[in-house]
Each structure stands twice: as C-alpha cells, then as structure tokens.
C-alpha cells in the first residue's frame, strides 16, 4: 500500500516536472528573437522597408541590430549613413547627431560625406520645432537661436568643403533664412530695450545686428532703432550718420523713421513651415 502510494506521488511529480519543462520550452520559443537567423542583407532590407513605411522606431531597431551583428561590410556602412535619418524622424535628435558624427569619423573619405554634413544641418535646423510648429508656424524671431546657429555652421561647412554638392544650393537658401531669423531674434531684443527706454542697450543690440547680419531683411529696422537710440541719448552726430546710411541704402524707410513711425519687422512664418517640411532622405 505504501509502495503504491509512493509510486503515485513519484509519477505525479514527474508529470509536474514534464509540464513545467514543456511550458518553459514553449515560452522560450515564443520569446526567441525572430531576427536571430537573419542575414545582413535581410536585416538591411527590413530596416529600409520600415523606414520607407514611416515606422522609424522599427527601422532604428533593425539598423542597430545590423550594426551589432555585422559591423563590417557594405550593409553596415550603408546603415551608418541611413540610421541618423531614422533617429531624426523617430524624434531622437541627440542620437541622430551622434550617429552623423560617428559616420563622419568612421568614413572621412566617403563619397556621400556631403550628405552627412547636410543632414547634420537639417537636424539642428529642425530641433525644437515640434508638432504645433508644423501646424501653427512659429515666428522665426521667437525661435531658439542656438540650434539655428549650429545649423548655420553645419551648412557653411558643407558649402565650403563641397561647393558643387547636390545639397549645396538648398543649404545656401537655408543659411539665408537662418541669417534673417537670427537677425530678427536679435532685433526683438533691441525692441524690448526700446520699450523700456534702455537706450544704451538698445543701441548696442541694434549695432550688433547691423555688424553681424549684413543684408538681413530687418536691416532697415535695426538702423531705425539705432537712429532712435542715438537721438534719445543726444548723440546727434551719430544719429545723423545713421540716417545717412538709411537714406543711402533704404530710402523708402527714411521718411517714416524721421517722423517716428514704426517699421514692422518682416518675418517668414510660412517660409519656416516650408523649410521644416522639406527634409529629404539620402539617395544614391
């Protein structure tokens, strides 16, 4: 009797162990990485397909797996130039910039190095320009100047090193836009000082715009503020010289400035929307 009972208990335990083993095996098979046996070409193909379909997070995952498992070869190198764009579109600008810099460092003589510089400029140009900005374009004068300043440098590097690049003309146009946006930003600061009758600070900021951002759209407004500041500070000789520059270069504004009529700062909100939406992907 005791022998039978012991056998039954032993059998029950064996069954339990068997069930546990089968269950764990099933779980292991369910958790197994489906990409485990993928080749480099298959990983790249799936990453590119995810990128083309707008599934940027999935694209990033596949690109990272490709570089981790197959760090050498043409697919890994191609992934290195495409993953910054995937990071950018996935909303990870810091990772995108790091990936661009890594590509440049690893491939200093790559034939598509111009695209890397161009993409770096795009990432900085579009930083902090989120969903609401795309629907309700931000006044360029209100944009954070630091990413724009960096983008200006990135685009300038592209043009200096690759003046004949297919991306050079677009970069030049963006640099013009950035220059106008940064000048407008500085001018808003000058207007802030004017409103508070801080004439020394206003004149210094207006002079900074004139010296730093020549040919910017807001140049007449900067000269107007400088003229107004000099008049308020009783620096009539400086005011007269400023008016002479204004009359020579922007005669259509001179009468309004003399009469004390305000000049509206010209900005390009719709232009900002156009530039933000224009983010081309690398093509061979």
C-alpha atoms as a PDB file:
ATOM      1  CA  UNK A   1       0.000   0.000   0.000  1.00  0.00           C
ATOM      2  CA  UNK A   2       2.713   2.415   0.948  1.00  0.00           C
ATOM      3  CA  UNK A   3       4.701   1.329  -2.082  1.00  0.00           C
ATOM      4  CA  UNK A   4       1.763   2.128  -4.401  1.00  0.00           C
ATOM      5  CA  UNK A   5       1.201   5.478  -2.768  1.00  0.00           C
ATOM      6  CA  UNK A   6       4.902   6.343  -3.176  1.00  0.00           C
ATOM      7  CA  UNK A   7       4.840   5.374  -6.841  1.00  0.00           C
ATOM      8  CA  UNK A   8       1.785   7.534  -7.431  1.00  0.00           C
ATOM      9  CA  UNK A   9       3.442  10.518  -5.779  1.00  0.00           C
ATOM     10  CA  UNK A  10       6.594   9.958  -7.803  1.00  0.00           C
ATOM     11  CA  UNK A  11       4.571   9.735 -11.006  1.00  0.00           C
ATOM     12  CA  UNK A  12       2.690  12.927 -10.172  1.00  0.00           C
ATOM     13  CA  UNK A  13       5.929  14.767  -9.536  1.00  0.00           C
ATOM     14  CA  UNK A  14       7.363  13.541 -12.809  1.00  0.00           C
ATOM     15  CA  UNK A  15       4.280  14.755 -14.638  1.00  0.00           C
ATOM     16  CA  UNK A  16       4.559  18.164 -12.989  1.00  0.00           C
ATOM     17  CA  UNK A  17       8.214  18.417 -13.945  1.00  0.00           C
ATOM     18  CA  UNK A  18       7.367  17.409 -17.515  1.00  0.00           C
ATOM     19  CA  UNK A  19       4.593  20.009 -17.731  1.00  0.00           C
ATOM     20  CA  UNK A  20       6.939  22.703 -16.404  1.00  0.00           C
ATOM     21  CA  UNK A  21       9.602  21.737 -18.950  1.00  0.00           C
ATOM     22  CA  UNK A  22       7.098  21.803 -21.815  1.00  0.00           C
ATOM     23  CA  UNK A  23       5.714  25.169 -20.647  1.00  0.00           C
ATOM     24  CA  UNK A  24       9.155  26.708 -20.328  1.00  0.00           C
ATOM     25  CA  UNK A  25      10.123  25.385 -23.731  1.00  0.00           C
ATOM     26  CA  UNK A  26       7.001  26.967 -25.196  1.00  0.00           C
ATOM     27  CA  UNK A  27       7.756  30.288 -23.538  1.00  0.00           C
ATOM     28  CA  UNK A  28      11.351  30.162 -24.761  1.00  0.00           C
ATOM     29  CA  UNK A  29      10.177  29.590 -28.306  1.00  0.00           C
ATOM     30  CA  UNK A  30       7.723  32.468 -28.009  1.00  0.00           C
ATOM     31  CA  UNK A  31      10.417  34.801 -26.682  1.00  0.00           C
ATOM     32  CA  UNK A  32      13.009  33.796 -29.229  1.00  0.00           C
ATOM     33  CA  UNK A  33      14.205  36.697 -31.373  1.00  0.00           C
ATOM     34  CA  UNK A  34      12.616  36.239 -34.827  1.00  0.00           C
ATOM     35  CA  UNK A  35      15.583  38.057 -36.383  1.00  0.00           C
ATOM     36  CA  UNK A  36      18.127  35.683 -34.854  1.00  0.00           C
ATOM     37  CA  UNK A  37      18.982  33.927 -38.105  1.00  0.00           C
ATOM     38  CA  UNK A  38      18.543  36.872 -40.436  1.00  0.00           C
ATOM     39  CA  UNK A  39      21.390  37.722 -42.776  1.00  0.00           C
ATOM     40  CA  UNK A  40      22.893  41.186 -43.098  1.00  0.00           C
ATOM     41  CA  UNK A  41      21.015  41.767 -46.343  1.00  0.00           C
ATOM     42  CA  UNK A  42      17.699  40.724 -44.764  1.00  0.00           C
ATOM     43  CA  UNK A  43      18.202  42.988 -41.750  1.00  0.00           C
ATOM     44  CA  UNK A  44      19.071  45.894 -44.024  1.00  0.00           C
ATOM     45  CA  UNK A  45      16.093  45.185 -46.282  1.00  0.00           C
ATOM     46  CA  UNK A  46      13.679  45.115 -43.339  1.00  0.00           C
ATOM     47  CA  UNK A  47      15.187  48.281 -41.873  1.00  0.00           C
ATOM     48  CA  UNK A  48      14.846  50.119 -45.179  1.00  0.00           C
ATOM     49  CA  UNK A  49      11.272  48.855 -45.626  1.00  0.00           C
ATOM     50  CA  UNK A  50      10.361  50.099 -42.138  1.00  0.00           C
ATOM     51  CA  UNK A  51      11.967  53.452 -42.903  1.00  0.00           C
ATOM     52  CA  UNK A  52      10.100  53.805 -46.191  1.00  0.00           C
ATOM     53  CA  UNK A  53       6.785  52.972 -44.491  1.00  0.00           C
ATOM     54  CA  UNK A  54       7.299  55.554 -41.748  1.00  0.00           C
ATOM     55  CA  UNK A  55       7.905  53.058 -38.932  1.00  0.00           C
ATOM     56  CA  UNK A  56      11.016  54.874 -37.792  1.00  0.00           C
ATOM     57  CA  UNK A  57      11.379  53.211 -34.399  1.00  0.00           C
ATOM     58  CA  UNK A  58      11.325  49.783 -36.020  1.00  0.00           C
ATOM     59  CA  UNK A  59      13.834  50.966 -38.603  1.00  0.00           C
ATOM     60  CA  UNK A  60      16.169  52.147 -35.852  1.00  0.00           C
ATOM     61  CA  UNK A  61      15.898  48.769 -34.108  1.00  0.00           C
ATOM     62  CA  UNK A  62      16.798  46.852 -37.270  1.00  0.00           C
ATOM     63  CA  UNK A  63      19.654  49.192 -38.168  1.00  0.00           C
ATOM     64  CA  UNK A  64      21.105  48.808 -34.666  1.00  0.00           C
ATOM     65  CA  UNK A  65      20.856  45.014 -34.883  1.00  0.00           C
ATOM     66  CA  UNK A  66      22.559  45.086 -38.270  1.00  0.00           C
ATOM     67  CA  UNK A  67      25.491  47.125 -36.999  1.00  0.00           C
ATOM     68  CA  UNK A  68      25.803  44.997 -33.854  1.00  0.00           C
ATOM     69  CA  UNK A  69      25.757  41.632 -35.644  1.00  0.00           C
ATOM     70  CA  UNK A  70      27.506  42.580 -38.885  1.00  0.00           C
ATOM     71  CA  UNK A  71      29.777  45.550 -38.076  1.00  0.00           C
ATOM     72  CA  UNK A  72      31.735  45.176 -41.302  1.00  0.00           C
ATOM     73  CA  UNK A  73      30.628  45.109 -44.893  1.00  0.00           C
ATOM     74  CA  UNK A  74      28.605  47.210 -47.262  1.00  0.00           C
ATOM     75  CA  UNK A  75      25.281  46.774 -45.477  1.00  0.00           C
ATOM     76  CA  UNK A  76      26.702  48.010 -42.178  1.00  0.00           C
ATOM     77  CA  UNK A  77      28.277  51.012 -43.901  1.00  0.00           C
ATOM     78  CA  UNK A  78      25.009  51.842 -45.634  1.00  0.00           C
ATOM     79  CA  UNK A  79      23.204  51.529 -42.322  1.00  0.00           C
ATOM     80  CA  UNK A  80      25.634  54.016 -40.794  1.00  0.00           C
ATOM     81  CA  UNK A  81      24.554  56.736 -43.214  1.00  0.00           C
ATOM     82  CA  UNK A  82      20.829  55.918 -43.028  1.00  0.00           C
ATOM     83  CA  UNK A  83      20.360  55.458 -39.293  1.00  0.00           C
ATOM     84  CA  UNK A  84      20.856  59.177 -38.444  1.00  0.00           C
ATOM     85  CA  UNK A  85      17.841  59.978 -40.601  1.00  0.00           C
ATOM     86  CA  UNK A  86      15.842  57.211 -38.913  1.00  0.00           C
ATOM     87  CA  UNK A  87      16.786  58.561 -35.471  1.00  0.00           C
ATOM     88  CA  UNK A  88      15.824  62.060 -36.554  1.00  0.00           C
ATOM     89  CA  UNK A  89      12.425  61.007 -37.858  1.00  0.00           C
ATOM     90  CA  UNK A  90      11.882  58.921 -34.703  1.00  0.00           C
ATOM     91  CA  UNK A  91      12.190  62.150 -32.678  1.00  0.00           C
ATOM     92  CA  UNK A  92      15.668  61.475 -31.278  1.00  0.00           C
ATOM     93  CA  UNK A  93      17.809  64.432 -32.451  1.00  0.00           C
ATOM     94  CA  UNK A  94      20.636  63.796 -29.987  1.00  0.00           C
ATOM     95  CA  UNK A  95      21.016  60.199 -31.158  1.00  0.00           C
ATOM     96  CA  UNK A  96      20.772  61.393 -34.771  1.00  0.00           C
ATOM     97  CA  UNK A  97      23.575  63.932 -34.309  1.00  0.00           C
ATOM     98  CA  UNK A  98      25.742  61.351 -32.550  1.00  0.00           C
ATOM     99  CA  UNK A  99      25.161  58.914 -35.429  1.00  0.00           C
ATOM    100  CA  UNK A 100      26.103  61.558 -38.010  1.00  0.00           C
ATOM    101  CA  UNK A 101      29.315  62.398 -36.156  1.00  0.00           C
ATOM    102  CA  UNK A 102      30.130  58.706 -35.849  1.00  0.00           C
ATOM    103  CA  UNK A 103      29.646  58.200 -39.582  1.00  0.00           C
ATOM    104  CA  UNK A 104      31.917  61.150 -40.393  1.00  0.00           C
ATOM    105  CA  UNK A 105      34.580  59.871 -38.010  1.00  0.00           C
ATOM    106  CA  UNK A 106      34.487  56.324 -39.399  1.00  0.00           C
ATOM    107  CA  UNK A 107      34.212  57.351 -43.051  1.00  0.00           C
ATOM    108  CA  UNK A 108      36.262  60.547 -43.573  1.00  0.00           C
ATOM    109  CA  UNK A 109      36.595  59.901 -47.315  1.00  0.00           C
ATOM    110  CA  UNK A 110      33.136  58.510 -48.007  1.00  0.00           C
ATOM    111  CA  UNK A 111      31.653  59.707 -51.331  1.00  0.00           C
ATOM    112  CA  UNK A 112      28.459  60.730 -49.539  1.00  0.00           C
ATOM    113  CA  UNK A 113      30.133  62.754 -46.810  1.00  0.00           C
ATOM    114  CA  UNK A 114      28.373  65.854 -48.136  1.00  0.00           C
ATOM    115  CA  UNK A 115      25.027  64.300 -47.240  1.00  0.00           C
ATOM    116  CA  UNK A 116      26.236  63.692 -43.685  1.00  0.00           C
ATOM    117  CA  UNK A 117      27.109  67.388 -43.273  1.00  0.00           C
ATOM    118  CA  UNK A 118      23.823  68.379 -44.864  1.00  0.00           C
ATOM    119  CA  UNK A 119      21.819  66.051 -42.607  1.00  0.00           C
ATOM    120  CA  UNK A 120      23.569  67.431 -39.543  1.00  0.00           C
ATOM    121  CA  UNK A 121      22.450  70.895 -40.553  1.00  0.00           C
ATOM    122  CA  UNK A 122      18.891  69.686 -41.098  1.00  0.00           C
ATOM    123  CA  UNK A 123      18.725  68.050 -37.683  1.00  0.00           C
ATOM    124  CA  UNK A 124      19.881  71.226 -35.943  1.00  0.00           C
ATOM    125  CA  UNK A 125      17.673  73.389 -38.160  1.00  0.00           C
ATOM    126  CA  UNK A 126      14.588  71.424 -37.140  1.00  0.00           C
ATOM    127  CA  UNK A 127      15.412  70.917 -33.471  1.00  0.00           C
ATOM    128  CA  UNK A 128      12.684  72.001 -31.062  1.00  0.00           C
ATOM    129  CA  UNK A 129      10.288  72.539 -33.972  1.00  0.00           C
ATOM    130  CA  UNK A 130       7.573  70.185 -32.817  1.00  0.00           C
ATOM    131  CA  UNK A 131       4.080  69.241 -33.869  1.00  0.00           C
ATOM    132  CA  UNK A 132       2.457  72.572 -33.009  1.00  0.00           C
ATOM    133  CA  UNK A 133       5.056  74.482 -35.005  1.00  0.00           C
ATOM    134  CA  UNK A 134       4.194  72.445 -38.070  1.00  0.00           C
ATOM    135  CA  UNK A 135       0.503  73.366 -37.712  1.00  0.00           C
ATOM    136  CA  UNK A 136       0.937  76.930 -36.437  1.00  0.00           C
ATOM    137  CA  UNK A 137       4.263  78.195 -37.837  1.00  0.00           C
ATOM    138  CA  UNK A 138       6.424  79.939 -35.285  1.00  0.00           C
ATOM    139  CA  UNK A 139       7.656  83.467 -35.822  1.00  0.00           C
ATOM    140  CA  UNK A 140      11.342  82.976 -36.709  1.00  0.00           C
ATOM    141  CA  UNK A 141      12.224  85.784 -34.309  1.00  0.00           C
ATOM    142  CA  UNK A 142      10.867  83.633 -31.460  1.00  0.00           C
ATOM    143  CA  UNK A 143      12.914  80.541 -32.324  1.00  0.00           C
ATOM    144  CA  UNK A 144      15.728  79.295 -30.104  1.00  0.00           C
ATOM    145  CA  UNK A 145      18.862  80.768 -31.725  1.00  0.00           C
ATOM    146  CA  UNK A 146      21.380  78.146 -30.572  1.00  0.00           C
ATOM    147  CA  UNK A 147      20.284  75.240 -32.822  1.00  0.00           C
ATOM    148  CA  UNK A 148      19.955  77.697 -35.716  1.00  0.00           C
ATOM    149  CA  UNK A 149      23.465  78.989 -35.139  1.00  0.00           C
ATOM    150  CA  UNK A 150      24.783  75.426 -35.177  1.00  0.00           C
ATOM    151  CA  UNK A 151      22.790  74.645 -38.325  1.00  0.00           C
ATOM    152  CA  UNK A 152      24.302  77.717 -39.973  1.00  0.00           C
ATOM    153  CA  UNK A 153      27.785  76.373 -39.208  1.00  0.00           C
ATOM    154  CA  UNK A 154      26.875  72.892 -40.478  1.00  0.00           C
ATOM    155  CA  UNK A 155      25.533  74.205 -43.768  1.00  0.00           C
ATOM    156  CA  UNK A 156      28.535  76.504 -44.098  1.00  0.00           C
ATOM    157  CA  UNK A 157      30.875  73.539 -43.700  1.00  0.00           C
ATOM    158  CA  UNK A 158      29.019  71.674 -46.428  1.00  0.00           C
ATOM    159  CA  UNK A 159      29.273  74.602 -48.838  1.00  0.00           C
ATOM    160  CA  UNK A 160      32.951  75.236 -48.074  1.00  0.00           C
ATOM    161  CA  UNK A 161      34.032  71.606 -48.474  1.00  0.00           C
ATOM    162  CA  UNK A 162      31.560  70.539 -51.176  1.00  0.00           C
ATOM    163  CA  UNK A 163      30.538  73.652 -53.151  1.00  0.00           C
ATOM    164  CA  UNK A 164      29.277  71.516 -56.045  1.00  0.00           C
ATOM    165  CA  UNK A 165      27.240  69.122 -53.899  1.00  0.00           C
ATOM    166  CA  UNK A 166      23.657  68.429 -54.891  1.00  0.00           C
ATOM    167  CA  UNK A 167      22.715  69.692 -51.412  1.00  0.00           C
ATOM    168  CA  UNK A 168      24.722  72.947 -51.605  1.00  0.00           C
ATOM    169  CA  UNK A 169      22.010  75.152 -53.113  1.00  0.00           C
ATOM    170  CA  UNK A 170      19.413  74.058 -50.576  1.00  0.00           C
ATOM    171  CA  UNK A 171      21.965  74.677 -47.809  1.00  0.00           C
ATOM    172  CA  UNK A 172      22.629  78.198 -49.140  1.00  0.00           C
ATOM    173  CA  UNK A 173      18.932  79.032 -49.110  1.00  0.00           C
ATOM    174  CA  UNK A 174      18.586  77.727 -45.583  1.00  0.00           C
ATOM    175  CA  UNK A 175      21.553  79.842 -44.491  1.00  0.00           C
ATOM    176  CA  UNK A 176      19.813  82.947 -45.847  1.00  0.00           C
ATOM    177  CA  UNK A 177      16.690  82.024 -43.905  1.00  0.00           C
ATOM    178  CA  UNK A 178      18.712  81.370 -40.740  1.00  0.00           C
ATOM    179  CA  UNK A 179      20.542  84.686 -41.060  1.00  0.00           C
ATOM    180  CA  UNK A 180      17.218  86.521 -41.318  1.00  0.00           C
ATOM    181  CA  UNK A 181      15.744  84.560 -38.403  1.00  0.00           C
ATOM    182  CA  UNK A 182      18.734  85.237 -36.137  1.00  0.00           C
ATOM    183  CA  UNK A 183      18.751  88.916 -37.078  1.00  0.00           C
ATOM    184  CA  UNK A 184      15.027  89.159 -36.329  1.00  0.00           C
ATOM    185  CA  UNK A 185      15.606  87.467 -32.978  1.00  0.00           C
ATOM    186  CA  UNK A 186      18.285  89.985 -32.024  1.00  0.00           C
ATOM    187  CA  UNK A 187      16.111  92.855 -33.201  1.00  0.00           C
ATOM    188  CA  UNK A 188      13.284  91.718 -30.922  1.00  0.00           C
ATOM    189  CA  UNK A 189      15.706  92.037 -28.022  1.00  0.00           C
ATOM    190  CA  UNK A 190      16.562  95.558 -29.164  1.00  0.00           C
ATOM    191  CA  UNK A 191      12.852  96.401 -29.293  1.00  0.00           C
ATOM    192  CA  UNK A 192      12.499  95.083 -25.742  1.00  0.00           C
ATOM    193  CA  UNK A 193      15.094  97.635 -24.610  1.00  0.00           C
ATOM    194  CA  UNK A 194      13.427 100.407 -26.599  1.00  0.00           C
ATOM    195  CA  UNK A 195      10.107  99.737 -24.857  1.00  0.00           C
ATOM    196  CA  UNK A 196      11.891 100.214 -21.530  1.00  0.00           C
ATOM    197  CA  UNK A 197      13.832 103.227 -22.791  1.00  0.00           C
ATOM    198  CA  UNK A 198      17.119 101.452 -22.117  1.00  0.00           C
ATOM    199  CA  UNK A 199      18.731 103.350 -24.969  1.00  0.00           C
ATOM    200  CA  UNK A 200      22.339 102.269 -24.476  1.00  0.00           C
ATOM    201  CA  UNK A 201      21.373  98.590 -24.504  1.00  0.00           C
ATOM    202  CA  UNK A 202      19.039  99.161 -27.461  1.00  0.00           C
ATOM    203  CA  UNK A 203      21.772 100.890 -29.488  1.00  0.00           C
ATOM    204  CA  UNK A 204      24.291  98.147 -28.732  1.00  0.00           C
ATOM    205  CA  UNK A 205      21.900  95.404 -29.813  1.00  0.00           C
ATOM    206  CA  UNK A 206      20.885  97.257 -32.993  1.00  0.00           C
ATOM    207  CA  UNK A 207      24.526  97.866 -33.848  1.00  0.00           C
ATOM    208  CA  UNK A 208      25.215  94.150 -33.306  1.00  0.00           C
ATOM    209  CA  UNK A 209      22.516  93.269 -35.855  1.00  0.00           C
ATOM    210  CA  UNK A 210      23.949  95.729 -38.380  1.00  0.00           C
ATOM    211  CA  UNK A 211      27.510  94.458 -37.990  1.00  0.00           C
ATOM    212  CA  UNK A 212      26.764  90.734 -37.702  1.00  0.00           C
ATOM    213  CA  UNK A 213      23.868  90.204 -40.110  1.00  0.00           C
ATOM    214  CA  UNK A 214      24.524  92.383 -43.126  1.00  0.00           C
ATOM    215  CA  UNK A 215      21.916  92.066 -45.888  1.00  0.00           C
ATOM    216  CA  UNK A 216      19.359  90.669 -43.423  1.00  0.00           C
ATOM    217  CA  UNK A 217      15.751  91.612 -44.089  1.00  0.00           C
ATOM    218  CA  UNK A 218      15.468  93.542 -40.803  1.00  0.00           C
ATOM    219  CA  UNK A 219      18.391  95.867 -41.552  1.00  0.00           C
ATOM    220  CA  UNK A 220      16.121  98.945 -42.018  1.00  0.00           C
ATOM    221  CA  UNK A 221      14.501  98.275 -38.639  1.00  0.00           C
ATOM    222  CA  UNK A 222      17.900  97.917 -36.969  1.00  0.00           C
ATOM    223  CA  UNK A 223      19.029 101.248 -38.414  1.00  0.00           C
ATOM    224  CA  UNK A 224      15.767 102.835 -37.263  1.00  0.00           C
ATOM    225  CA  UNK A 225      16.295 101.647 -33.688  1.00  0.00           C
ATOM    226  CA  UNK A 226      19.908 102.811 -33.751  1.00  0.00           C
ATOM    227  CA  UNK A 227      18.828 106.250 -35.006  1.00  0.00           C
ATOM    228  CA  UNK A 228      16.097 106.466 -32.365  1.00  0.00           C
ATOM    229  CA  UNK A 229      18.534 105.436 -29.617  1.00  0.00           C
ATOM    230  CA  UNK A 230      21.153 107.989 -30.631  1.00  0.00           C
ATOM    231  CA  UNK A 231      18.518 110.741 -30.680  1.00  0.00           C
ATOM    232  CA  UNK A 232      17.353 109.751 -27.198  1.00  0.00           C
ATOM    233  CA  UNK A 233      20.970 109.810 -25.952  1.00  0.00           C
ATOM    234  CA  UNK A 234      21.547 113.269 -27.541  1.00  0.00           C
ATOM    235  CA  UNK A 235      24.214 111.825 -29.849  1.00  0.00           C
ATOM    236  CA  UNK A 236      23.120 113.895 -32.809  1.00  0.00           C
ATOM    237  CA  UNK A 237      26.238 113.321 -34.927  1.00  0.00           C
ATOM    238  CA  UNK A 238      25.819 109.546 -34.624  1.00  0.00           C
ATOM    239  CA  UNK A 239      22.118 109.893 -35.349  1.00  0.00           C
ATOM    240  CA  UNK A 240      22.839 111.940 -38.489  1.00  0.00           C
ATOM    241  CA  UNK A 241      25.359 109.379 -39.716  1.00  0.00           C
ATOM    242  CA  UNK A 242      22.879 106.569 -39.143  1.00  0.00           C
ATOM    243  CA  UNK A 243      20.187 108.450 -41.045  1.00  0.00           C
ATOM    244  CA  UNK A 244      22.618 108.978 -43.934  1.00  0.00           C
ATOM    245  CA  UNK A 245      23.211 105.208 -44.125  1.00  0.00           C
ATOM    246  CA  UNK A 246      19.474 104.585 -44.006  1.00  0.00           C
ATOM    247  CA  UNK A 247      18.766 107.110 -46.781  1.00  0.00           C
ATOM    248  CA  UNK A 248      21.504 105.668 -48.955  1.00  0.00           C
ATOM    249  CA  UNK A 249      20.500 102.020 -48.619  1.00  0.00           C
ATOM    250  CA  UNK A 250      16.791 102.108 -47.749  1.00  0.00           C
ATOM    251  CA  UNK A 251      15.418 105.482 -48.864  1.00  0.00           C
ATOM    252  CA  UNK A 252      11.821 104.195 -48.777  1.00  0.00           C
ATOM    253  CA  UNK A 253      12.050 103.949 -44.972  1.00  0.00           C
ATOM    254  CA  UNK A 254      13.856 107.188 -44.201  1.00  0.00           C
ATOM    255  CA  UNK A 255      10.812 109.463 -44.030  1.00  0.00           C
ATOM    256  CA  UNK A 256       8.950 107.093 -41.719  1.00  0.00           C
ATOM    257  CA  UNK A 257      11.946 106.888 -39.383  1.00  0.00           C
ATOM    258  CA  UNK A 258      12.335 110.686 -39.291  1.00  0.00           C
ATOM    259  CA  UNK A 259       8.660 111.041 -38.446  1.00  0.00           C
ATOM    260  CA  UNK A 260       8.938 108.434 -35.683  1.00  0.00           C
ATOM    261  CA  UNK A 261       6.608 105.996 -37.410  1.00  0.00           C
ATOM    262  CA  UNK A 262       7.259 102.326 -36.572  1.00  0.00           C
ATOM    263  CA  UNK A 263       8.640  99.909 -39.146  1.00  0.00           C
ATOM    264  CA  UNK A 264       7.221  96.406 -38.949  1.00  0.00           C
ATOM    265  CA  UNK A 265       9.729  93.583 -38.608  1.00  0.00           C
ATOM    266  CA  UNK A 266       9.406  91.263 -41.573  1.00  0.00           C
ATOM    267  CA  UNK A 267       9.372  87.570 -40.730  1.00  0.00           C
ATOM    268  CA  UNK A 268       8.714  84.419 -42.714  1.00  0.00           C
ATOM    269  CA  UNK A 269       6.370  82.150 -40.775  1.00  0.00           C
ATOM    270  CA  UNK A 270       5.108  80.398 -43.875  1.00  0.00           C
ATOM    271  CA  UNK A 271       8.660  80.081 -45.071  1.00  0.00           C
ATOM    272  CA  UNK A 272       9.512  78.332 -41.811  1.00  0.00           C
ATOM    273  CA  UNK A 273       6.790  75.746 -42.403  1.00  0.00           C
ATOM    274  CA  UNK A 274       8.133  75.138 -45.902  1.00  0.00           C
ATOM    275  CA  UNK A 275      11.690  74.642 -44.665  1.00  0.00           C
ATOM    276  CA  UNK A 276      10.692  72.354 -41.801  1.00  0.00           C
ATOM    277  CA  UNK A 277       8.640  70.103 -44.050  1.00  0.00           C
ATOM    278  CA  UNK A 278      11.435  69.865 -46.615  1.00  0.00           C
ATOM    279  CA  UNK A 279      13.655  67.138 -45.182  1.00  0.00           C
ATOM    280  CA  UNK A 280      14.954  64.909 -47.997  1.00  0.00           C
ATOM    281  CA  UNK A 281      16.271  61.427 -47.373  1.00  0.00           C
ATOM    282  CA  UNK A 282      19.607  60.250 -48.693  1.00  0.00           C
ATOM    283  CA  UNK A 283      19.552  58.794 -52.188  1.00  0.00           C
ATOM    284  CA  UNK A 284      22.406  57.206 -54.062  1.00  0.00           C
END
